Amino acid sequence: MNMSGNFRKFFKESTLYLGGLVLNRLVSFLLLPIYTNVFDKTQNGIITIAYAFLGFMVIILPYGTDAALLNFYTGNDREGKNYFSSAYSLVLISNLLILGLAFLARNSLSQAVLRVSDPHIFVWCLIILFFDTLNGLTLLVLRAEGRPLTFISFSLANVLLAMGLNIFLVVHRRLGLAGIFYSNILTSGMIWLGLLPLVLKRLDLRLISGKYIRNLVRFGFPFLPAGIFAMILDLSDRWFLEYFTDMETVGLYGVGYKLAAVMLVFVLAFNSAWQPFFLKARREQNTPNIIARVSFFVIGGLAFCWLFFSIWMNYIVRIKISGRYLIGAEFWAGTSVTPLIMLAYFFQALYLLQLPSIFLLEKTKWEPVFRGLGAATNIILNIVFIPRLGMSGAAIATVLAYLAMVIAIWFFNRKYYPIKYDWYKIGAIIVLTAAAYLVAIWGDSVIYRVIATGIGLLGIGGILLLPLKGRILPILKKK
């Protein structure tokens, strides 16, 4: 496949995965009107801590086998079932053991981890984790097989189930916090049942082998500390905020963080197509050029997304629906951290764009080093900034931690896997985005925000598309 074909395939799959991930992340955003109009700041703080725990554990429980499965399954028709059967069985058995032990220690762990005395919430989290970990492996295989439409179908089912159950249990049945966790359990369980036929089609207990398990563990184990460090970077600020401030501040910060997830959606969608894409292209001689070209367009697109949502979020949360604001008025202050968190996600994308070298050179041992640097930076800066700046300090710490990772992996690639980026055009995009944002903030009115949006759209669009005007139209017409 030539470079043009690679680009078309990559952006086509990115768009489809974007739809699926938009649907999944849309749940959190669509539920915010319920959570911010039904629950107070303290209750939202509990929800935020619980979801942080879920996010942390869903990375730990597969202990790197998910990354290994993606690597060995992609393009491997001969042994794909062997690797899937070994990985799924291994994770299933280990999860039963780990979650079972956690259940036995539920009383002490509930207070230590979730900061709540009621162990029921902790037990509900364990049930959700059991289903979500297994579902993650199956959905990962759909990505490896290049089946984005099936991926989107399950994403849509997840949205409809989660929304319907939350509205029924939280709003109509008035079950409070319990309603949220019941909704998650039922949603994850029904998705697992829906994916079960796909699992049974690929699962063959006779194909389980120590050879494949060793390969999975050997390749994936370096990703376990990397995953732990990643979750420390993403989630530890909630616990630091609770320690240095209070649960109300955590609730406020959690709402601002969830609003920033609109940026994360685009980052995750890109990464869903990015990993299988560069793994399939690993044998091509022009892979570094492909990485540079893809990076150019991704940076431009994400820069505009950051600009648009950063300058309009304060207006979006004030939209009224049936006499209620989209986000409860007492949570509007949380939007102060949203642009910073979205900037952190932008740097996360820059890190992911440079990550192929680790896979292609089989230097996965460096992944924990970069993630560990980010985690350590985040912890130190949280301790320094939060007592002085509150939740803004937590957001700034996250931005700087991701920036440290970007700089570190750039120096690594410069030595081991040089990539020739178009720095002039990338620099122009960044300067233009910053200038447009300053215009919006300086004017602080709708008209200035409209002008800033226009500057970003026309400026970034021109930088991305005008040089390709004579080449992109024929490529699109072929499809």
Protein backbone atom coordinates (compact mmCIF):
# COMPACT_ATOMS: atom_id res chain seq x y z
CA MET A 1 0.00 0.00 0.00
CA ASN A 2 1.41 3.40 -0.98
CA MET A 3 1.57 6.44 1.27
CA SER A 4 -1.69 7.89 -0.06
CA GLY A 5 -3.43 4.59 0.59
CA ASN A 6 -2.00 4.48 4.09
CA PHE A 7 -3.29 7.99 4.81
CA ARG A 8 -6.76 7.21 3.48
CA LYS A 9 -7.00 4.02 5.53
CA PHE A 10 -5.66 5.67 8.67
CA PHE A 11 -7.99 8.67 8.58
CA LYS A 12 -10.97 6.55 7.56
CA GLU A 13 -10.46 4.21 10.52
CA SER A 14 -9.72 7.15 12.82
CA THR A 15 -13.03 8.72 11.85
CA LEU A 16 -14.93 5.50 12.52
CA TYR A 17 -13.21 4.91 15.85
CA LEU A 18 -13.84 8.54 16.67
CA GLY A 19 -17.54 7.84 16.32
CA GLY A 20 -17.32 4.88 18.69
CA LEU A 21 -15.24 6.71 21.27
CA VAL A 22 -17.40 9.81 21.01
CA LEU A 23 -20.35 7.62 21.91
CA ASN A 24 -18.50 6.07 24.88
CA ARG A 25 -17.23 9.39 26.21
CA LEU A 26 -20.55 11.02 25.45
CA VAL A 27 -21.97 9.07 28.35
CA SER A 28 -19.85 10.97 30.89
CA PHE A 29 -20.72 14.29 29.30
CA LEU A 30 -24.45 13.58 28.96
CA LEU A 31 -24.63 12.37 32.55
CA LEU A 32 -23.11 15.59 33.89
CA PRO A 33 -26.48 17.41 33.77
CA ILE A 34 -27.89 14.66 36.00
CA TYR A 35 -24.92 14.51 38.35
CA THR A 36 -24.60 18.30 38.71
CA ASN A 37 -28.33 18.91 39.14
CA VAL A 38 -29.12 15.93 41.38
CA PHE A 39 -25.98 15.52 43.50
CA ASP A 40 -24.06 18.12 45.51
CA LYS A 41 -20.31 18.79 45.37
CA THR A 42 -19.46 16.24 48.07
CA GLN A 43 -21.41 13.47 46.34
CA ASN A 44 -19.78 14.39 43.03
CA GLY A 45 -16.46 14.16 44.83
CA ILE A 46 -17.25 10.57 45.83
CA ILE A 47 -18.23 9.79 42.23
CA THR A 48 -14.97 11.35 40.99
CA ILE A 49 -12.81 9.31 43.40
CA ALA A 50 -14.68 6.09 42.54
CA TYR A 51 -14.29 6.65 38.80
CA ALA A 52 -10.61 7.43 39.33
CA PHE A 53 -10.23 4.09 41.11
CA LEU A 54 -12.01 2.31 38.24
CA GLY A 55 -9.76 3.99 35.71
CA PHE A 56 -6.67 3.04 37.67
CA MET A 57 -7.59 -0.61 38.17
CA VAL A 58 -8.79 -1.25 34.62
CA ILE A 59 -5.18 -0.62 33.57
CA ILE A 60 -3.61 -2.74 36.30
CA LEU A 61 -5.83 -5.82 36.05
CA PRO A 62 -4.77 -6.87 32.51
CA TYR A 63 -1.11 -6.30 33.65
CA GLY A 64 0.05 -5.49 30.12
CA THR A 65 -1.54 -8.44 28.33
CA ASP A 66 -3.82 -6.07 26.43
CA ALA A 67 -0.86 -4.28 24.81
CA ALA A 68 0.81 -7.63 24.13
CA LEU A 69 -2.36 -9.08 22.61
CA LEU A 70 -2.68 -6.12 20.26
CA ASN A 71 0.93 -6.59 19.16
CA PHE A 72 0.75 -10.35 18.57
CA TYR A 73 -2.82 -10.52 17.25
CA THR A 74 -2.57 -7.75 14.65
CA GLY A 75 -1.90 -9.26 11.22
CA ASN A 76 -1.28 -12.71 12.72
CA ASP A 77 -3.92 -14.95 11.13
CA ARG A 78 -2.08 -18.15 11.96
CA GLU A 79 -1.65 -17.73 15.72
CA GLY A 80 -4.21 -15.03 16.52
CA LYS A 81 -6.61 -17.44 18.24
CA ASN A 82 -3.77 -18.94 20.28
CA TYR A 83 -2.84 -15.55 21.67
CA PHE A 84 -6.44 -14.50 22.30
CA SER A 85 -7.33 -17.76 24.07
CA SER A 86 -4.25 -17.55 26.26
CA ALA A 87 -4.71 -13.86 27.10
CA TYR A 88 -8.45 -14.05 27.83
CA SER A 89 -8.14 -17.12 30.05
CA LEU A 90 -5.16 -15.69 31.91
CA VAL A 91 -6.90 -12.39 32.65
CA LEU A 92 -10.16 -14.10 33.61
CA ILE A 93 -8.52 -16.37 36.20
CA SER A 94 -6.23 -13.68 37.64
CA ASN A 95 -9.08 -11.19 37.92
CA LEU A 96 -11.17 -13.66 39.88
CA LEU A 97 -8.29 -14.11 42.32
CA ILE A 98 -7.34 -10.42 42.67
CA LEU A 99 -10.90 -9.10 42.90
CA GLY A 100 -11.81 -11.91 45.28
CA LEU A 101 -9.02 -10.91 47.65
CA ALA A 102 -10.07 -7.26 47.37
CA PHE A 103 -13.63 -8.27 48.28
CA LEU A 104 -12.40 -9.97 51.45
CA ALA A 105 -10.61 -6.73 52.46
CA ARG A 106 -13.49 -4.48 51.36
CA ASN A 107 -14.01 -2.73 54.69
CA SER A 108 -10.47 -1.41 55.04
CA LEU A 109 -9.92 -0.82 51.31
CA SER A 110 -13.12 1.18 50.96
CA GLN A 111 -11.95 3.75 53.48
CA ALA A 112 -8.36 3.78 52.26
CA VAL A 113 -9.08 3.98 48.53
CA LEU A 114 -12.48 5.64 48.13
CA ARG A 115 -12.47 7.69 51.34
CA VAL A 116 -15.93 6.35 52.24
CA SER A 117 -16.93 4.11 55.13
CA ASP A 118 -19.67 2.29 53.19
CA PRO A 119 -18.05 -0.83 51.62
CA HIS A 120 -20.94 -1.33 49.20
CA ILE A 121 -19.56 1.27 46.78
CA PHE A 122 -16.20 -0.53 46.76
CA VAL A 123 -17.87 -3.89 46.05
CA TRP A 124 -19.88 -2.37 43.20
CA CYS A 125 -16.63 -1.07 41.73
CA LEU A 126 -15.12 -4.57 41.86
CA ILE A 127 -18.05 -6.03 39.88
CA ILE A 128 -17.75 -3.28 37.25
CA LEU A 129 -14.01 -3.95 36.96
CA PHE A 130 -14.54 -7.66 36.35
CA PHE A 131 -16.73 -7.02 33.30
CA ASP A 132 -14.85 -3.98 31.97
CA THR A 133 -11.46 -5.73 31.96
CA LEU A 134 -12.77 -8.63 29.88
CA ASN A 135 -14.75 -6.32 27.62
CA GLY A 136 -11.60 -4.31 26.99
CA LEU A 137 -9.74 -7.35 25.64
CA THR A 138 -12.56 -8.24 23.26
CA LEU A 139 -12.98 -4.69 21.96
CA LEU A 140 -9.21 -4.52 21.46
CA VAL A 141 -9.42 -7.55 19.17
CA LEU A 142 -12.08 -5.76 17.12
CA ARG A 143 -9.60 -2.92 16.66
CA ALA A 144 -6.84 -5.33 15.66
CA GLU A 145 -9.13 -6.98 13.11
CA GLY A 146 -10.07 -3.61 11.64
CA ARG A 147 -13.79 -3.84 12.49
CA PRO A 148 -14.66 -0.29 13.54
CA LEU A 149 -18.36 -0.66 12.66
CA THR A 150 -18.78 -3.48 15.18
CA PHE A 151 -16.83 -1.37 17.67
CA ILE A 152 -19.23 1.53 17.08
CA SER A 153 -22.25 -0.75 17.52
CA PHE A 154 -21.16 -1.78 21.00
CA SER A 155 -20.29 1.82 21.81
CA LEU A 156 -23.81 2.88 20.85
CA ALA A 157 -25.26 0.09 22.97
CA ASN A 158 -23.13 1.25 25.89
CA VAL A 159 -24.46 4.81 25.54
CA LEU A 160 -28.10 3.80 25.31
CA LEU A 161 -27.87 1.38 28.24
CA ALA A 162 -25.93 3.76 30.49
CA MET A 163 -28.17 6.74 29.76
CA GLY A 164 -31.40 4.80 30.05
CA LEU A 165 -30.43 3.06 33.29
CA ASN A 166 -29.11 6.25 34.91
CA ILE A 167 -32.26 8.16 34.05
CA PHE A 168 -34.43 5.33 35.35
CA LEU A 169 -32.51 4.48 38.53
CA VAL A 170 -31.15 7.90 39.53
CA VAL A 171 -33.87 10.29 38.34
CA HIS A 172 -37.07 8.25 38.45
CA ARG A 173 -36.33 5.67 41.14
CA ARG A 174 -34.25 8.18 43.16
CA LEU A 175 -31.70 5.60 44.27
CA GLY A 176 -28.98 8.23 44.72
CA LEU A 177 -25.36 7.17 44.40
CA ALA A 178 -26.38 3.51 44.38
CA GLY A 179 -28.30 4.14 41.17
CA ILE A 180 -25.11 5.24 39.41
CA PHE A 181 -23.23 2.06 40.30
CA TYR A 182 -26.20 -0.22 39.58
CA SER A 183 -26.39 1.39 36.14
CA ASN A 184 -22.70 0.76 35.51
CA ILE A 185 -22.91 -2.86 36.64
CA LEU A 186 -25.90 -3.61 34.44
CA THR A 187 -24.40 -1.80 31.45
CA SER A 188 -21.01 -3.55 31.69
CA GLY A 189 -22.67 -6.91 32.28
CA MET A 190 -24.96 -6.63 29.27
CA ILE A 191 -22.09 -5.49 27.04
CA TRP A 192 -20.16 -8.57 28.21
CA LEU A 193 -23.09 -10.78 27.25
CA GLY A 194 -23.30 -9.08 23.86
CA LEU A 195 -19.59 -9.65 23.24
CA LEU A 196 -19.71 -13.27 24.45
CA PRO A 197 -20.47 -14.77 20.98
CA LEU A 198 -17.40 -12.98 19.61
CA VAL A 199 -15.34 -14.35 22.47
CA LEU A 200 -16.56 -17.93 22.04
CA LYS A 201 -15.82 -17.79 18.32
CA ARG A 202 -12.17 -16.95 19.01
CA LEU A 203 -11.67 -18.77 22.32
CA ASP A 204 -10.39 -22.34 22.19
CA LEU A 205 -9.13 -23.81 25.45
CA ARG A 206 -7.07 -26.36 23.50
CA LEU A 207 -4.98 -23.52 22.06
CA ILE A 208 -3.89 -22.19 25.44
CA SER A 209 -0.15 -22.72 25.77
CA GLY A 210 2.64 -21.74 28.10
CA LYS A 211 4.56 -20.53 25.05
CA TYR A 212 1.94 -17.91 24.20
CA ILE A 213 1.42 -16.93 27.82
CA ARG A 214 5.17 -16.38 28.22
CA ASN A 215 5.27 -14.27 25.06
CA LEU A 216 2.33 -12.19 26.27
CA VAL A 217 3.83 -11.65 29.72
CA ARG A 218 7.34 -11.00 28.39
CA PHE A 219 6.15 -8.36 25.93
CA GLY A 220 3.37 -6.91 28.04
CA PHE A 221 4.92 -6.80 31.50
CA PRO A 222 6.89 -3.58 30.82
CA PHE A 223 3.52 -1.98 30.07
CA LEU A 224 2.22 -2.77 33.57
CA PRO A 225 4.42 -0.26 35.39
CA ALA A 226 3.89 2.05 32.43
CA GLY A 227 0.13 1.72 32.91
CA ILE A 228 0.44 2.29 36.65
CA PHE A 229 2.52 5.40 36.05
CA ALA A 230 0.01 6.58 33.44
CA MET A 231 -2.86 6.27 35.88
CA ILE A 232 -0.87 7.98 38.64
CA LEU A 233 -0.35 10.84 36.20
CA ASP A 234 -4.02 10.98 35.20
CA LEU A 235 -5.75 10.24 38.48
CA SER A 236 -3.54 10.89 41.52
CA ASP A 237 -4.49 14.58 41.60
CA ARG A 238 -7.96 13.63 42.91
CA TRP A 239 -6.48 12.03 46.01
CA PHE A 240 -4.06 14.91 46.54
CA LEU A 241 -6.93 17.38 46.21
CA GLU A 242 -8.96 15.46 48.78
CA TYR A 243 -5.96 15.39 51.11
CA PHE A 244 -5.00 19.07 50.81
CA THR A 245 -8.53 20.52 50.39
CA ASP A 246 -11.85 18.67 50.71
CA MET A 247 -14.28 16.39 48.87
CA GLU A 248 -16.25 19.39 47.55
CA THR A 249 -13.19 20.66 45.69
CA VAL A 250 -12.68 17.17 44.26
CA GLY A 251 -16.28 17.24 43.01
CA LEU A 252 -15.80 20.65 41.39
CA TYR A 253 -12.51 19.58 39.83
CA GLY A 254 -14.06 16.34 38.59
CA VAL A 255 -16.74 18.22 36.67
CA GLY A 256 -14.15 20.48 35.03
CA TYR A 257 -12.08 17.40 34.18
CA LYS A 258 -15.04 15.59 32.61
CA LEU A 259 -15.83 18.62 30.48
CA ALA A 260 -12.27 18.44 29.17
CA ALA A 261 -12.94 14.84 28.09
CA VAL A 262 -14.27 16.28 24.84
CA MET A 263 -10.60 16.72 23.90
CA LEU A 264 -9.68 13.27 25.19
CA VAL A 265 -12.25 11.75 22.85
CA PHE A 266 -10.30 12.93 19.82
CA VAL A 267 -6.99 11.79 21.30
CA LEU A 268 -8.28 8.31 22.08
CA ALA A 269 -9.96 7.98 18.69
CA PHE A 270 -6.71 8.83 16.95
CA ASN A 271 -4.78 6.38 19.14
CA SER A 272 -7.27 3.57 18.50
CA ALA A 273 -6.40 3.66 14.81
CA TRP A 274 -2.79 4.74 15.33
CA GLN A 275 -1.51 1.62 17.10
CA PRO A 276 -2.77 -0.99 14.59
CA PHE A 277 -1.80 1.36 11.75
CA PHE A 278 1.88 1.72 12.54
CA LEU A 279 2.16 -1.94 13.58
CA LYS A 280 0.93 -2.99 10.13
CA ALA A 281 3.25 -0.45 8.47
CA ARG A 282 6.32 -1.58 10.43
CA ARG A 283 7.91 -3.25 7.39
CA GLU A 284 7.66 -0.22 5.12
CA GLN A 285 10.79 1.82 4.51
CA ASN A 286 8.98 5.18 4.62
CA THR A 287 7.42 4.64 8.06
CA PRO A 288 9.21 7.67 9.63
CA ASN A 289 7.84 9.89 6.84
CA ILE A 290 4.34 8.54 7.39
CA ILE A 291 4.63 9.27 11.12
CA ALA A 292 5.75 12.84 10.39
CA ARG A 293 2.89 13.47 7.96
CA VAL A 294 0.23 12.01 10.24
CA SER A 295 1.64 14.02 13.16
CA PHE A 296 1.31 17.24 11.19
CA PHE A 297 -2.41 16.75 10.53
CA VAL A 298 -3.19 15.42 14.01
CA ILE A 299 -1.47 18.38 15.67
CA GLY A 300 -3.41 20.82 13.49
CA GLY A 301 -6.75 19.16 14.16
CA LEU A 302 -6.23 18.89 17.91
CA ALA A 303 -4.97 22.49 18.13
CA PHE A 304 -8.24 23.74 16.67
CA CYS A 305 -10.28 21.45 18.95
CA TRP A 306 -8.44 22.85 21.97
CA LEU A 307 -9.03 26.42 20.81
CA PHE A 308 -12.73 25.95 20.08
CA PHE A 309 -13.72 24.22 23.32
CA SER A 310 -11.44 26.37 25.47
CA ILE A 311 -13.10 29.60 24.38
CA TRP A 312 -16.69 28.34 24.23
CA MET A 313 -16.95 25.99 27.25
CA ASN A 314 -18.18 28.74 29.59
CA TYR A 315 -21.11 29.29 27.23
CA ILE A 316 -21.80 25.60 26.64
CA VAL A 317 -22.30 24.85 30.35
CA ARG A 318 -24.88 27.66 30.57
CA ILE A 319 -27.17 26.21 27.92
CA LYS A 320 -30.66 25.70 29.36
CA ILE A 321 -32.67 22.55 28.74
CA SER A 322 -36.21 22.31 30.13
CA GLY A 323 -35.49 25.15 32.54
CA ARG A 324 -32.27 23.62 33.87
CA TYR A 325 -28.71 24.53 32.99
CA LEU A 326 -26.68 21.91 31.16
CA ILE A 327 -24.29 21.97 34.14
CA GLY A 328 -25.55 22.96 37.57
CA ALA A 329 -24.67 26.58 38.39
CA GLU A 330 -22.72 25.66 41.52
CA PHE A 331 -20.28 23.71 39.32
CA TRP A 332 -19.49 26.46 36.78
CA ALA A 333 -16.30 27.37 38.62
CA GLY A 334 -14.94 23.98 37.57
CA THR A 335 -14.59 25.23 33.98
CA SER A 336 -11.54 27.25 35.07
CA VAL A 337 -9.41 24.09 34.84
CA THR A 338 -10.95 22.74 31.63
CA PRO A 339 -8.59 24.53 29.16
CA LEU A 340 -5.58 23.35 31.16
CA ILE A 341 -6.72 19.73 31.22
CA MET A 342 -7.44 19.87 27.48
CA LEU A 343 -3.90 21.22 26.96
CA ALA A 344 -2.60 18.24 28.93
CA TYR A 345 -4.52 15.93 26.57
CA PHE A 346 -2.92 17.77 23.63
CA PHE A 347 0.52 16.97 25.03
CA GLN A 348 -0.61 13.39 25.60
CA ALA A 349 -1.34 13.18 21.87
CA LEU A 350 2.14 14.53 21.07
CA TYR A 351 3.58 11.75 23.22
CA LEU A 352 1.49 9.07 21.50
CA LEU A 353 2.54 10.34 18.08
CA GLN A 354 6.17 9.63 18.98
CA LEU A 355 5.48 6.25 20.61
CA PRO A 356 5.80 4.01 17.49
CA SER A 357 9.59 3.97 17.83
CA ILE A 358 9.33 1.95 21.05
CA PHE A 359 7.29 -0.74 19.30
CA LEU A 360 9.17 -0.73 16.02
CA LEU A 361 12.58 -0.91 17.70
CA GLU A 362 11.28 -3.37 20.34
CA LYS A 363 12.48 -1.10 23.13
CA THR A 364 9.32 -1.37 25.23
CA LYS A 365 11.42 -1.17 28.39
CA TRP A 366 11.59 2.60 27.81
CA GLU A 367 7.82 3.01 28.12
CA PRO A 368 7.86 2.75 31.94
CA VAL A 369 10.75 5.22 32.03
CA PHE A 370 8.79 7.92 30.20
CA ARG A 371 5.58 7.21 32.10
CA GLY A 372 7.50 7.11 35.37
CA LEU A 373 8.97 10.52 34.61
CA GLY A 374 5.47 11.88 34.03
CA ALA A 375 4.10 10.27 37.19
CA ALA A 376 6.98 11.53 39.36
CA THR A 377 6.68 15.03 37.90
CA ASN A 378 2.94 15.01 38.53
CA ILE A 379 3.26 13.85 42.14
CA ILE A 380 5.93 16.40 43.01
CA LEU A 381 4.12 19.28 41.34
CA ASN A 382 0.79 18.30 42.93
CA ILE A 383 2.42 18.50 46.36
CA VAL A 384 3.95 21.87 45.49
CA PHE A 385 1.06 23.51 43.62
CA ILE A 386 -2.16 22.25 45.21
CA PRO A 387 -1.62 23.82 48.68
CA ARG A 388 -0.97 27.17 46.96
CA LEU A 389 -3.25 27.09 43.90
CA GLY A 390 -5.91 24.52 44.74
CA MET A 391 -7.46 22.71 41.79
CA SER A 392 -5.70 25.02 39.30
CA GLY A 393 -2.42 23.76 40.72
CA ALA A 394 -3.52 20.17 40.06
CA ALA A 395 -4.34 21.02 36.45
CA ILE A 396 -1.02 22.83 35.91
CA ALA A 397 0.85 19.85 37.37
CA THR A 398 -0.85 17.54 34.85
CA VAL A 399 0.07 19.80 31.92
CA LEU A 400 3.73 20.01 32.93
CA ALA A 401 3.94 16.26 33.58
CA TYR A 402 2.77 15.43 30.05
CA LEU A 403 5.10 18.08 28.63
CA ALA A 404 8.02 16.41 30.42
CA MET A 405 7.11 13.10 28.76
CA VAL A 406 6.91 14.72 25.33
CA ILE A 407 10.36 16.25 25.71
CA ALA A 408 11.88 13.00 27.01
CA ILE A 409 10.58 10.79 24.20
CA TRP A 410 11.56 13.42 21.62
CA PHE A 411 15.19 13.20 22.75
CA PHE A 412 14.92 9.39 22.63
CA ASN A 413 13.63 9.44 19.05
CA ARG A 414 16.23 11.99 18.04
CA LYS A 415 18.91 9.44 18.93
CA TYR A 416 17.33 6.09 18.01
CA TYR A 417 14.53 6.81 15.50
CA PRO A 418 14.91 10.24 13.84
CA ILE A 419 11.71 11.70 12.38
CA LYS A 420 11.81 14.79 10.18
CA TYR A 421 8.89 16.97 11.26
CA ASP A 422 7.86 20.13 9.45
CA TRP A 423 8.73 22.36 12.41
CA TYR A 424 7.94 25.62 10.59
CA LYS A 425 4.35 24.65 9.88
CA ILE A 426 3.86 23.02 13.28
CA GLY A 427 5.25 26.14 14.93
CA ALA A 428 2.91 28.29 12.84
CA ILE A 429 -0.08 26.24 14.01
CA ILE A 430 0.91 26.61 17.68
CA VAL A 431 1.55 30.36 17.41
CA LEU A 432 -1.70 30.92 15.53
CA THR A 433 -3.68 28.92 18.10
CA ALA A 434 -2.16 30.83 21.01
CA ALA A 435 -2.82 34.17 19.31
CA ALA A 436 -6.46 33.30 18.60
CA TYR A 437 -6.95 32.20 22.23
CA LEU A 438 -5.50 35.47 23.50
CA VAL A 439 -7.89 37.41 21.25
CA ALA A 440 -10.86 35.54 22.76
CA ILE A 441 -9.68 36.03 26.34
CA TRP A 442 -8.71 39.66 25.82
CA GLY A 443 -12.06 40.61 24.34
CA ASP A 444 -14.08 38.41 26.72
CA SER A 445 -17.26 38.66 24.63
CA VAL A 446 -19.11 36.59 22.05
CA ILE A 447 -17.90 38.66 19.09
CA TYR A 448 -14.24 38.24 20.06
CA ARG A 449 -14.76 34.51 20.50
CA VAL A 450 -16.34 34.30 17.05
CA ILE A 451 -13.37 36.20 15.59
CA ALA A 452 -10.91 33.90 17.40
CA THR A 453 -12.75 30.82 16.13
CA GLY A 454 -12.61 32.18 12.58
CA ILE A 455 -8.91 32.92 12.88
CA GLY A 456 -8.25 29.39 14.11
CA LEU A 457 -10.43 27.68 11.51
CA LEU A 458 -9.15 29.61 8.50
CA GLY A 459 -5.55 29.85 9.68
CA ILE A 460 -5.04 26.25 10.77
CA GLY A 461 -7.13 24.95 7.88
CA GLY A 462 -5.04 26.94 5.44
CA ILE A 463 -1.77 25.65 6.88
CA LEU A 464 -3.01 22.04 6.71
CA LEU A 465 -4.79 21.97 3.38
CA LEU A 466 -3.56 24.66 1.00
CA PRO A 467 -0.15 23.07 0.36
CA LEU A 468 -1.98 19.82 -0.54
CA LYS A 469 -4.66 21.38 -2.70
CA GLY A 470 -3.31 19.86 -5.90
CA ARG A 471 -2.80 16.42 -4.38
CA ILE A 472 -5.58 15.77 -1.91
CA LEU A 473 -8.53 16.14 -4.33
CA PRO A 474 -7.36 13.37 -6.70
CA ILE A 475 -6.73 11.10 -3.70
CA LEU A 476 -10.23 11.66 -2.34
CA LYS A 477 -11.82 11.15 -5.77
CA LYS A 478 -10.25 7.68 -6.04
CA LYS A 479 -12.25 6.56 -3.01
